[in-house]
Amino acid sequence: MNAALKLPAPVRFAAADGYVLTGTVWRHPQAATPPRPVVIINPATSVRAGYYARFAAWLNGHGFDVLSYDYRGIGASRPPSLKGFEAGWIDWGRLDFEAALQYVAAEFPGQPVQVVAHSVGGFLIGLAASSHRISRVFTMGAQYAYWKDYARDRRLGLLLKWHVAMPALTRLFGYFPGGRLGWLEDTPRGVVRDWIAPHPRFEDNWKRGPLRLSDAERTELVARFAALRGATLAVSLADDEFGTVPAIQRLLRYYRNSATTHLHIRPADVGQAAVGHFAFFHSRFEHSLWKIPLEWLRHGRLPPDAPGEVLPPGRSR
């Protein structure tokens, strides 16, 4: 376990448009029979891949090969200047996550491909052309930031911070200077534009404006989500102001050919006062929350003593 934590290997791989992404691989030196799964970790919006390093090393110590990576514009995949850099969520899904899928297909041939996705990372899965290769998915707080799904008691503050202050600063600087504010990482302005879009259906975000997509392109985007046939476990936390139950269900309904399970957990279920949107991947949850994705990725089921409750599917969009 400790060796896995100390010996990750940096990797670089190119997306279809030539943009080079940087990631990290935790790889077992010998092959296994049957082949061990390789897990791709999709980060949240503007969160460095390094945030998930302890979790990745822990998965590696429990028998998985793992790839984590930074989306374009973030962390080690950032260009020299973000000013005017237009990358958005579509690029992160159609190009960057697709490149990660292509990379593991080439570097880990014959191994099952699984995904652990945080926040918007769970949305990006559906944008990739090769999502049919994925055998299982675990998501934590996965959604695409439709503002009416924010927690009711936090909604006004979130709107002021992320839908007023963030775009205003982005217009001023040409990108969102989140790093100097302690508000996540510096973020490309295209991502900001996608985050603050007001539409309940994500595809309508690209009906108008400089990044407008044709009706056919938007229809094709939605159709891609149906290609995912691997089973999905989506976890929501009761104190997550972004990943609320309506937000999780809104995204899950796009994955109509994936057998989805929605596990809703209260912090008190694991003896905590708070967990929220980000703390799930903190190592203090190694013996409680982390056993949920471990059992799911290994066996496609919940642990027998899993906290929380399984919620019924939401209504259609």
Foldseek 3Di string as FASTA:
>chain_A
DVVLLVDWDKDWFAWPVGQIWIKTKRDDPDADVVGAEEEEEAEAAQAAQVLLSVVQSVVVVVPYIYMYTDFQCHDPNDDPDLQQPQDALLCCQQIVVLRVVVVCCVVVPPHQYEYEYAACRVVSLLSYQPLLSHAEYEYELYFQQQLVQFDPVCSVVCCCVLVPVQLVCCVVRNWGCCVVVVNRHIGHVNHSLQNNQNDLDSLVSQCDDPNHDDPVVSVVSLVSLCSNQHAYEYEYECQARRSHPVRVLSSVLSNVNHNYWYFYAYLVQVPDPDCYRRNLSPCVCVPASSVQVVCCSVPNDGDPSHTGDIDDHDDHD
